[in-house]
Protein backbone atom coordinates (compact mmCIF):
# COMPACT_ATOMS: atom_id res chain seq x y z
CA UNK A 1 -38.29 11.83 4.89
CA UNK A 2 -35.45 13.96 4.43
CA UNK A 3 -36.42 16.28 7.42
CA UNK A 4 -37.10 12.82 9.52
CA UNK A 5 -33.37 11.65 8.67
CA UNK A 6 -31.94 15.09 9.58
CA UNK A 7 -33.68 14.62 12.91
CA UNK A 8 -32.27 11.38 13.41
CA UNK A 9 -28.91 12.95 12.54
CA UNK A 10 -28.98 15.36 15.19
CA UNK A 11 -30.41 13.19 17.80
CA UNK A 12 -27.27 10.71 17.28
CA UNK A 13 -24.87 13.60 17.23
CA UNK A 14 -26.00 14.17 20.88
CA UNK A 15 -24.40 10.90 21.74
CA UNK A 16 -22.10 10.03 18.88
CA UNK A 17 -19.07 8.46 20.82
CA UNK A 18 -21.47 6.23 22.75
CA UNK A 19 -23.43 5.22 19.74
CA UNK A 20 -20.16 4.92 17.60
CA UNK A 21 -18.86 2.52 20.02
CA UNK A 22 -21.84 0.40 20.14
CA UNK A 23 -21.62 -3.02 18.55
CA UNK A 24 -25.23 -2.49 16.99
CA UNK A 25 -25.60 1.25 16.81
CA UNK A 26 -22.40 1.70 14.91
CA UNK A 27 -24.03 0.31 11.99
CA UNK A 28 -26.74 2.75 11.91
CA UNK A 29 -24.30 5.63 12.04
CA UNK A 30 -22.49 3.91 9.10
CA UNK A 31 -25.44 3.60 7.06
CA UNK A 32 -26.54 7.19 7.49
CA UNK A 33 -23.04 8.13 6.23
CA UNK A 34 -23.51 5.90 3.13
CA UNK A 35 -27.08 6.65 2.68
CA UNK A 36 -26.87 9.59 0.24
CA UNK A 37 -27.88 12.06 3.03
CA UNK A 38 -27.43 15.95 2.03
CA UNK A 39 -24.23 17.58 1.95
CA UNK A 40 -25.16 19.83 5.26
CA UNK A 41 -26.19 16.68 6.98
CA UNK A 42 -23.11 15.16 6.09
CA UNK A 43 -21.14 17.66 7.13
CA UNK A 44 -23.02 18.18 10.55
CA UNK A 45 -22.41 14.42 11.43
CA UNK A 46 -18.61 14.30 10.26
CA UNK A 47 -18.29 17.31 12.44
CA UNK A 48 -19.27 15.26 15.65
CA UNK A 49 -17.26 12.50 14.62
CA UNK A 50 -13.64 13.77 13.76
CA UNK A 51 -13.29 15.01 17.29
CA UNK A 52 -13.33 11.62 18.76
CA UNK A 53 -10.56 10.60 16.43
CA UNK A 54 -8.27 9.09 18.79
CA UNK A 55 -11.15 7.27 20.83
CA UNK A 56 -12.56 5.60 17.93
CA UNK A 57 -9.29 4.80 16.26
CA UNK A 58 -9.20 2.42 19.40
CA UNK A 59 -12.63 1.08 19.38
CA UNK A 60 -13.40 -2.37 17.91
CA UNK A 61 -16.73 -0.69 16.69
CA UNK A 62 -16.01 2.91 16.45
CA UNK A 63 -13.10 2.51 13.89
CA UNK A 64 -15.44 1.83 10.97
CA UNK A 65 -17.43 4.90 11.99
CA UNK A 66 -14.50 6.65 11.64
CA UNK A 67 -12.90 5.12 8.23
CA UNK A 68 -16.78 5.66 7.06
CA UNK A 69 -16.52 9.31 7.68
CA UNK A 70 -13.29 9.74 5.86
CA UNK A 71 -14.44 8.29 2.78
CA UNK A 72 -17.68 10.60 2.66
CA UNK A 73 -16.34 13.73 4.20
CA UNK A 74 -15.22 16.84 1.88
CA UNK A 75 -11.53 17.28 2.13
CA UNK A 76 -11.71 20.53 4.04
CA UNK A 77 -13.53 18.72 6.70
CA UNK A 78 -10.91 16.17 7.92
CA UNK A 79 -8.19 18.65 9.26
CA UNK A 80 -9.41 18.00 12.85
CA UNK A 81 -8.61 14.07 12.26
CA UNK A 82 -5.31 15.00 10.88
CA UNK A 83 -4.35 17.22 13.72
CA UNK A 84 -5.15 13.93 15.93
CA UNK A 85 -3.04 11.91 13.88
CA UNK A 86 -0.10 14.06 14.13
CA UNK A 87 -0.51 14.05 17.89
CA UNK A 88 -0.61 10.23 18.07
CA UNK A 89 2.35 9.84 15.78
CA UNK A 90 1.82 9.41 12.12
CA UNK A 91 4.03 6.05 11.98
CA UNK A 92 2.30 4.48 15.06
CA UNK A 93 -0.94 5.27 13.63
CA UNK A 94 0.09 3.47 10.70
CA UNK A 95 1.14 0.60 12.38
CA UNK A 96 -2.06 0.44 14.24
CA UNK A 97 -4.36 -2.34 13.33
CA UNK A 98 -7.26 0.08 12.79
CA UNK A 99 -4.98 3.11 12.00
CA UNK A 100 -3.65 1.68 8.93
CA UNK A 101 -7.28 1.27 7.31
CA UNK A 102 -7.80 4.94 8.44
CA UNK A 103 -4.78 5.87 6.50
CA UNK A 104 -5.83 3.62 3.45
CA UNK A 105 -8.99 5.67 3.40
CA UNK A 106 -7.29 9.24 3.71
CA UNK A 107 -4.88 8.08 0.64
CA UNK A 108 -7.93 6.73 -1.67
CA UNK A 109 -9.99 9.84 -1.02
CA UNK A 110 -8.06 12.58 -0.09
CA UNK A 111 -4.46 12.20 -1.51
CA UNK A 112 -4.45 15.43 -3.28
CA UNK A 113 -5.67 17.74 -0.57
CA UNK A 114 -2.92 20.04 0.77
CA UNK A 115 -2.99 18.82 4.30
CA UNK A 116 -3.24 15.10 3.45
CA UNK A 117 -0.41 15.44 1.00
CA UNK A 118 1.66 17.10 3.35
CA UNK A 119 1.12 14.07 5.55
CA UNK A 120 1.82 11.64 2.93
CA UNK A 121 5.17 13.41 2.12
CA UNK A 122 6.19 12.75 5.98
CA UNK A 123 4.96 9.25 5.85
CA UNK A 124 6.90 8.49 2.72
CA UNK A 125 10.04 9.90 4.18
CA UNK A 126 9.88 7.44 6.99
CA UNK A 127 8.76 4.35 4.79
CA UNK A 128 12.09 2.25 5.90
CA UNK A 129 10.31 2.14 9.59
CA UNK A 130 7.15 0.65 8.21
CA UNK A 131 7.48 -1.45 5.09
CA UNK A 132 8.16 -4.67 6.78
CA UNK A 133 5.20 -4.20 9.60
CA UNK A 134 2.18 -6.56 9.51
CA UNK A 135 -0.05 -3.67 9.19
CA UNK A 136 1.64 -0.42 8.12
CA UNK A 137 3.06 -2.32 4.86
CA UNK A 138 -0.62 -1.87 3.69
CA UNK A 139 -0.45 2.17 4.03
CA UNK A 140 2.58 1.77 1.77
CA UNK A 141 0.77 -0.30 -0.70
CA UNK A 142 -2.21 2.12 -0.89
CA UNK A 143 0.32 5.19 -1.12
CA UNK A 144 2.12 3.38 -4.05
CA UNK A 145 -1.31 2.61 -5.81
CA UNK A 146 -3.20 6.00 -4.90
CA UNK A 147 -0.51 8.55 -3.66
CA UNK A 148 0.34 11.74 -4.84
CA UNK A 149 3.23 11.75 -7.24
CA UNK A 150 5.62 13.35 -5.02
CA UNK A 151 5.01 11.07 -2.05
CA UNK A 152 5.18 8.16 -4.32
CA UNK A 153 8.49 9.25 -5.84
CA UNK A 154 9.79 9.83 -2.55
CA UNK A 155 8.70 6.27 -1.31
CA UNK A 156 10.40 4.57 -4.23
CA UNK A 157 13.52 6.43 -3.51
CA UNK A 158 13.84 5.50 0.34
CA UNK A 159 12.55 1.91 -0.62
CA UNK A 160 14.81 0.99 -3.55
CA UNK A 161 17.83 -0.17 -1.76
CA UNK A 162 15.62 -2.56 0.48
CA UNK A 163 13.91 -4.22 -2.50
CA UNK A 164 15.84 -7.40 -2.28
CA UNK A 165 15.28 -7.83 1.34
CA UNK A 166 11.66 -7.13 0.99
CA UNK A 167 11.08 -9.62 -1.85
CA UNK A 168 11.60 -12.35 0.72
CA UNK A 169 9.50 -10.77 3.31
CA UNK A 170 6.17 -12.27 4.38
CA UNK A 171 4.63 -8.70 4.43
CA UNK A 172 6.97 -6.26 2.64
CA UNK A 173 7.03 -8.58 -0.67
CA UNK A 174 3.26 -7.85 -1.32
CA UNK A 175 4.61 -3.95 -1.26
CA UNK A 176 7.53 -5.10 -3.63
CA UNK A 177 4.84 -6.50 -6.03
CA UNK A 178 2.97 -3.42 -6.12
CA UNK A 179 5.97 -1.24 -6.74
CA UNK A 180 6.15 -3.21 -9.71
CA UNK A 181 2.69 -2.94 -10.94
CA UNK A 182 2.28 0.84 -10.05
CA UNK A 183 5.67 2.46 -10.54
CA UNK A 184 6.68 4.02 -13.78
CA UNK A 185 8.82 2.28 -16.65
CA UNK A 186 11.91 3.78 -14.91
CA UNK A 187 11.24 2.64 -11.19
CA UNK A 188 10.13 -0.91 -12.62
CA UNK A 189 13.62 -0.92 -14.42
CA UNK A 190 15.39 -0.01 -11.42
CA UNK A 191 13.63 -2.59 -9.29
CA UNK A 192 14.39 -5.06 -11.67
CA UNK A 193 18.10 -4.38 -11.78
CA UNK A 194 18.01 -3.96 -8.00
CA UNK A 195 16.65 -7.93 -7.53
CA UNK A 196 18.70 -9.24 -10.10
CA UNK A 197 22.13 -7.63 -9.16
CA UNK A 198 21.49 -8.23 -5.23
CA UNK A 199 24.21 -9.99 -3.38
CA UNK A 200 22.29 -10.64 -0.36
CA UNK A 201 20.13 -12.24 -0.82
CA UNK A 202 21.36 -13.33 -4.39
CA UNK A 203 18.70 -13.21 -6.91
CA UNK A 204 18.53 -17.20 -7.21
CA UNK A 205 17.75 -17.14 -3.58
CA UNK A 206 15.22 -14.68 -4.24
CA UNK A 207 13.46 -16.53 -7.08
CA UNK A 208 13.54 -19.90 -4.87
CA UNK A 209 11.75 -18.23 -1.81
CA UNK A 210 8.27 -18.86 -0.98
CA UNK A 211 7.54 -15.09 -1.35
CA UNK A 212 10.16 -13.79 -3.38
CA UNK A 213 9.08 -16.01 -6.31
CA UNK A 214 6.01 -14.24 -6.75
CA UNK A 215 7.91 -10.59 -6.96
CA UNK A 216 10.24 -12.30 -9.46
CA UNK A 217 7.64 -13.64 -11.45
CA UNK A 218 5.75 -10.07 -11.55
CA UNK A 219 9.16 -8.76 -12.38
CA UNK A 220 9.55 -11.37 -15.57
CA UNK A 221 6.00 -10.26 -16.52
CA UNK A 222 6.90 -6.71 -16.75
CA UNK A 223 9.91 -7.82 -18.70
CA UNK A 224 7.72 -9.36 -21.02
CA UNK A 225 4.83 -6.54 -21.44
CA UNK A 226 6.35 -3.29 -20.57
CA UNK A 227 6.40 -1.45 -23.70
CA UNK A 228 7.71 1.51 -22.23
CA UNK A 229 11.07 -0.07 -21.18
CA UNK A 230 13.39 0.04 -24.24
CA UNK A 231 13.84 -3.66 -25.95
CA UNK A 232 17.28 -3.62 -25.74
CA UNK A 233 17.08 -3.16 -21.70
CA UNK A 234 14.50 -5.85 -21.30
CA UNK A 235 16.42 -8.21 -23.35
CA UNK A 236 19.88 -7.09 -21.60
CA UNK A 237 18.16 -7.72 -18.22
CA UNK A 238 16.78 -11.09 -19.45
CA UNK A 239 20.31 -12.29 -20.24
CA UNK A 240 21.67 -11.10 -16.92
CA UNK A 241 18.72 -13.18 -15.02
CA UNK A 242 19.81 -16.44 -16.97
CA UNK A 243 23.59 -15.47 -16.12
CA UNK A 244 22.72 -15.21 -12.52
CA UNK A 245 20.67 -18.25 -12.44
CA UNK A 246 23.30 -20.25 -14.24
CA UNK A 247 26.05 -19.13 -11.69
CA UNK A 248 23.59 -20.25 -8.91
CA UNK A 249 23.47 -23.61 -10.37
CA UNK A 250 26.98 -24.03 -9.91
CA UNK A 251 27.23 -21.94 -6.56
CA UNK A 252 24.26 -22.87 -4.82
CA UNK A 253 23.02 -26.52 -6.21
CA UNK A 254 20.93 -27.01 -3.29
CA UNK A 255 18.64 -24.30 -5.15
CA UNK A 256 18.52 -25.75 -8.40
CA UNK A 257 15.80 -28.49 -7.81
CA UNK A 258 13.35 -26.04 -6.04
CA UNK A 259 10.12 -25.80 -7.48
CA UNK A 260 9.76 -22.10 -7.47
CA UNK A 261 13.27 -21.75 -9.17
CA UNK A 262 12.14 -24.09 -11.69
CA UNK A 263 9.26 -22.05 -12.64
CA UNK A 264 11.08 -18.84 -12.92
CA UNK A 265 13.51 -20.95 -15.24
CA UNK A 266 10.54 -22.01 -17.41
CA UNK A 267 9.06 -18.35 -17.53
CA UNK A 268 12.66 -17.16 -18.53
CA UNK A 269 12.86 -19.71 -21.39
CA UNK A 270 9.69 -18.57 -22.66
CA UNK A 271 10.94 -14.94 -22.69
CA UNK A 272 14.22 -16.20 -24.33
CA UNK A 273 12.19 -17.45 -27.16
CA UNK A 274 10.18 -14.30 -27.59
CA UNK A 275 13.28 -12.15 -27.19
CA UNK A 276 15.53 -14.28 -28.97
CA UNK A 277 18.21 -13.81 -26.10
């Protein structure tokens, strides 16, 4: 059976591009990649896929074959694909509807490989070009969750000034939530401070926003559960939140009755009882 499968793989590789782009045959290639084939067969298969990276990235069906190859390939086998991504432009690929998925698989499976780590460092440097885009924001979310430490730290540094605006953005708000979820205690403290002390938009406007309310709820959850943030700092932030909301009730009375803001106030009141502030 192993010999038969090896024979099938070598037959497929004779016309890899056509089969990978075919609506039905692409599933055969993906199934082979995920079927527990030998290391040699897997290497032979991916070696015939990565030279077609640019073509497959643009293909409705072929992009699934490409991302599956990234999942199963050894880290030292993906460099041809990385070279292609560089030629296409890393930000352009991250913003592509299929390219974003390719980046996610690279980050999830090969983030610690030297070549990929360098690519991710470059990507994090340009985070402000991508954080509000409908596709590339997913790449940054994956980088926050699975990326190497250096790239992740660089990403947080680049995006920290953007956090208030991100919180009320349809796409970037999800990235802001991920930053709360996967940042270290100091990152979380900085994000919370940036949100609470924001001028444009003001904190109450963020809390009342249809996207921002989820970011603020995530922040309040962190304030109540993050043991590594000193209690006095958590209490100080909670007090500041209350002050900002009270100020908004006077300056922006139209926000006071919004359901989202009332929810935030209710959660804050629970925190106040817990922390006695």
